[in-house]
Amino acid sequence: MATEQEFKNRLKPFLEMVKSIKQTGNNDFLDNIEEFKNILIKQNIGGIKENPFLLDKFIDEIIENQNT
């Protein structure tokens, strides 16, 4: 099983996209973030099916962080 950091590295392009979208204030995307997460899990991007809760954690950290 991959470590948390390995998953974060694998998902970096997608997490950066979420961060960028948050910075632009695209509320349409942020309101539908669950659909985005479901697509990543369904497609097993970065092997995230192994631990989908980490995807929630990573995205929640980005959304909740007021400085990003």
N, C-alpha and C. Protein backbone atom coordinates (compact mmCIF):
# COMPACT_ATOMS: atom_id res chain seq x y z
N MET A 1 0.85 -1.18 0.00
CA MET A 1 0.00 0.00 0.00
C MET A 1 0.89 1.24 0.00
N ALA A 2 0.52 2.20 -0.82
CA ALA A 2 1.29 3.44 -0.93
C ALA A 2 1.12 4.30 0.32
N THR A 3 2.12 5.09 0.60
CA THR A 3 2.05 6.00 1.74
C THR A 3 1.24 7.23 1.36
N GLU A 4 0.88 8.01 2.37
CA GLU A 4 0.13 9.24 2.14
C GLU A 4 0.91 10.18 1.22
N GLN A 5 2.21 10.30 1.44
CA GLN A 5 3.02 11.19 0.62
C GLN A 5 3.09 10.69 -0.83
N GLU A 6 3.15 9.38 -1.02
CA GLU A 6 3.18 8.83 -2.38
C GLU A 6 1.89 9.17 -3.12
N PHE A 7 0.76 9.03 -2.43
CA PHE A 7 -0.51 9.40 -3.06
C PHE A 7 -0.53 10.88 -3.39
N LYS A 8 -0.05 11.69 -2.48
CA LYS A 8 -0.04 13.14 -2.70
C LYS A 8 0.81 13.48 -3.93
N ASN A 9 1.94 12.81 -4.06
CA ASN A 9 2.81 13.04 -5.23
C ASN A 9 2.13 12.59 -6.52
N ARG A 10 1.47 11.45 -6.47
CA ARG A 10 0.78 10.93 -7.67
C ARG A 10 -0.35 11.84 -8.10
N LEU A 11 -1.02 12.42 -7.13
CA LEU A 11 -2.20 13.25 -7.41
C LEU A 11 -1.87 14.74 -7.54
N LYS A 12 -0.60 15.07 -7.47
CA LYS A 12 -0.18 16.47 -7.46
C LYS A 12 -0.80 17.31 -8.58
N PRO A 13 -0.80 16.85 -9.83
CA PRO A 13 -1.40 17.69 -10.89
C PRO A 13 -2.87 18.01 -10.63
N PHE A 14 -3.60 17.06 -10.09
CA PHE A 14 -5.02 17.27 -9.83
C PHE A 14 -5.24 18.15 -8.60
N LEU A 15 -4.38 17.98 -7.61
CA LEU A 15 -4.47 18.82 -6.41
C LEU A 15 -4.09 20.26 -6.74
N GLU A 16 -3.09 20.43 -7.60
CA GLU A 16 -2.71 21.78 -8.04
C GLU A 16 -3.85 22.43 -8.82
N MET A 17 -4.57 21.63 -9.59
CA MET A 17 -5.71 22.16 -10.34
C MET A 17 -6.78 22.66 -9.37
N VAL A 18 -7.08 21.88 -8.33
CA VAL A 18 -8.06 22.30 -7.33
C VAL A 18 -7.60 23.59 -6.65
N LYS A 19 -6.32 23.66 -6.32
CA LYS A 19 -5.77 24.86 -5.68
C LYS A 19 -5.92 26.07 -6.59
N SER A 20 -5.60 25.90 -7.85
CA SER A 20 -5.71 26.99 -8.82
C SER A 20 -7.16 27.44 -8.98
N ILE A 21 -8.06 26.49 -9.06
CA ILE A 21 -9.47 26.82 -9.21
C ILE A 21 -9.98 27.54 -7.97
N LYS A 22 -9.55 27.11 -6.82
CA LYS A 22 -9.95 27.78 -5.58
C LYS A 22 -9.48 29.23 -5.59
N GLN A 23 -8.26 29.46 -6.06
CA GLN A 23 -7.71 30.81 -6.09
C GLN A 23 -8.49 31.71 -7.04
N THR A 24 -9.04 31.14 -8.11
CA THR A 24 -9.82 31.94 -9.05
C THR A 24 -11.24 32.16 -8.58
N GLY A 25 -11.64 31.43 -7.54
CA GLY A 25 -12.99 31.60 -7.00
C GLY A 25 -14.07 30.97 -7.84
N ASN A 26 -13.74 29.93 -8.57
CA ASN A 26 -14.72 29.24 -9.40
C ASN A 26 -15.63 28.39 -8.52
N ASN A 27 -16.69 29.01 -8.04
CA ASN A 27 -17.59 28.32 -7.12
C ASN A 27 -18.38 27.21 -7.78
N ASP A 28 -18.61 27.29 -9.08
CA ASP A 28 -19.31 26.21 -9.77
C ASP A 28 -18.54 24.91 -9.63
N PHE A 29 -17.24 24.97 -9.84
CA PHE A 29 -16.42 23.77 -9.69
C PHE A 29 -16.38 23.33 -8.23
N LEU A 30 -16.14 24.27 -7.34
CA LEU A 30 -16.02 23.92 -5.93
C LEU A 30 -17.32 23.36 -5.37
N ASP A 31 -18.46 23.83 -5.88
CA ASP A 31 -19.75 23.30 -5.45
C ASP A 31 -19.94 21.86 -5.92
N ASN A 32 -19.23 21.48 -6.96
CA ASN A 32 -19.37 20.13 -7.51
C ASN A 32 -18.10 19.29 -7.32
N ILE A 33 -17.33 19.61 -6.31
CA ILE A 33 -16.06 18.93 -6.07
C ILE A 33 -16.24 17.43 -5.85
N GLU A 34 -17.38 17.03 -5.30
CA GLU A 34 -17.63 15.60 -5.06
C GLU A 34 -17.63 14.83 -6.37
N GLU A 35 -18.19 15.42 -7.42
CA GLU A 35 -18.19 14.76 -8.72
C GLU A 35 -16.76 14.59 -9.23
N PHE A 36 -15.94 15.60 -9.03
CA PHE A 36 -14.53 15.54 -9.44
C PHE A 36 -13.83 14.41 -8.69
N LYS A 37 -14.03 14.34 -7.38
CA LYS A 37 -13.41 13.28 -6.59
C LYS A 37 -13.88 11.91 -7.06
N ASN A 38 -15.17 11.78 -7.33
CA ASN A 38 -15.72 10.50 -7.78
C ASN A 38 -15.11 10.05 -9.11
N ILE A 39 -14.87 11.00 -10.00
CA ILE A 39 -14.24 10.66 -11.28
C ILE A 39 -12.81 10.16 -11.06
N LEU A 40 -12.05 10.86 -10.21
CA LEU A 40 -10.68 10.42 -9.93
C LEU A 40 -10.67 9.02 -9.33
N ILE A 41 -11.60 8.75 -8.43
CA ILE A 41 -11.66 7.43 -7.80
C ILE A 41 -12.10 6.39 -8.81
N LYS A 42 -13.15 6.69 -9.58
CA LYS A 42 -13.66 5.73 -10.57
C LYS A 42 -12.59 5.37 -11.59
N GLN A 43 -11.81 6.36 -12.02
CA GLN A 43 -10.76 6.12 -13.00
C GLN A 43 -9.47 5.61 -12.35
N ASN A 44 -9.48 5.54 -11.03
CA ASN A 44 -8.33 5.08 -10.24
C ASN A 44 -7.07 5.87 -10.56
N ILE A 45 -7.24 7.18 -10.66
CA ILE A 45 -6.12 8.07 -10.93
C ILE A 45 -5.13 7.99 -9.77
N GLY A 46 -3.89 7.74 -10.07
CA GLY A 46 -2.85 7.65 -9.05
C GLY A 46 -3.04 6.49 -8.09
N GLY A 47 -3.88 5.53 -8.48
CA GLY A 47 -4.13 4.38 -7.62
C GLY A 47 -4.97 4.72 -6.40
N ILE A 48 -5.75 5.80 -6.49
CA ILE A 48 -6.47 6.31 -5.33
C ILE A 48 -7.58 5.39 -4.85
N LYS A 49 -8.01 4.44 -5.67
CA LYS A 49 -9.02 3.48 -5.20
C LYS A 49 -8.52 2.72 -3.98
N GLU A 50 -7.21 2.64 -3.86
CA GLU A 50 -6.59 1.94 -2.73
C GLU A 50 -6.92 2.64 -1.41
N ASN A 51 -7.05 3.96 -1.43
CA ASN A 51 -7.35 4.71 -0.22
C ASN A 51 -8.05 6.03 -0.58
N PRO A 52 -9.32 5.97 -0.96
CA PRO A 52 -10.02 7.17 -1.41
C PRO A 52 -10.18 8.24 -0.33
N PHE A 53 -10.07 7.84 0.92
CA PHE A 53 -10.21 8.83 2.00
C PHE A 53 -9.07 9.85 1.98
N LEU A 54 -7.93 9.45 1.46
CA LEU A 54 -6.82 10.41 1.35
C LEU A 54 -7.15 11.51 0.35
N LEU A 55 -7.85 11.16 -0.72
CA LEU A 55 -8.25 12.18 -1.69
C LEU A 55 -9.13 13.22 -1.01
N ASP A 56 -10.09 12.75 -0.22
CA ASP A 56 -10.93 13.68 0.55
C ASP A 56 -10.08 14.58 1.43
N LYS A 57 -9.14 13.98 2.11
CA LYS A 57 -8.28 14.73 3.02
C LYS A 57 -7.48 15.81 2.27
N PHE A 58 -6.86 15.42 1.16
CA PHE A 58 -6.04 16.36 0.40
C PHE A 58 -6.87 17.53 -0.14
N ILE A 59 -8.02 17.23 -0.71
CA ILE A 59 -8.85 18.28 -1.29
C ILE A 59 -9.45 19.15 -0.19
N ASP A 60 -9.87 18.55 0.90
CA ASP A 60 -10.39 19.34 2.02
C ASP A 60 -9.34 20.29 2.56
N GLU A 61 -8.10 19.84 2.64
CA GLU A 61 -7.03 20.71 3.11
C GLU A 61 -6.88 21.93 2.21
N ILE A 62 -6.99 21.72 0.91
CA ILE A 62 -6.86 22.83 -0.05
C ILE A 62 -8.03 23.79 0.10
N ILE A 63 -9.22 23.25 0.16
CA ILE A 63 -10.42 24.09 0.22
C ILE A 63 -10.50 24.86 1.54
N GLU A 64 -10.13 24.22 2.62
CA GLU A 64 -10.24 24.86 3.93
C GLU A 64 -9.13 25.85 4.20
N ASN A 65 -8.01 25.73 3.51
CA ASN A 65 -6.90 26.64 3.75
C ASN A 65 -7.22 27.99 3.13
N GLN A 66 -7.36 29.00 3.95
CA GLN A 66 -7.73 30.33 3.49
C GLN A 66 -6.60 31.05 2.78
N ASN A 67 -5.36 30.59 2.92
CA ASN A 67 -4.21 31.27 2.33
C ASN A 67 -3.90 30.82 0.92
N THR A 68 -4.61 29.83 0.40
CA THR A 68 -4.32 29.34 -0.94
C THR A 68 -5.42 29.69 -1.88
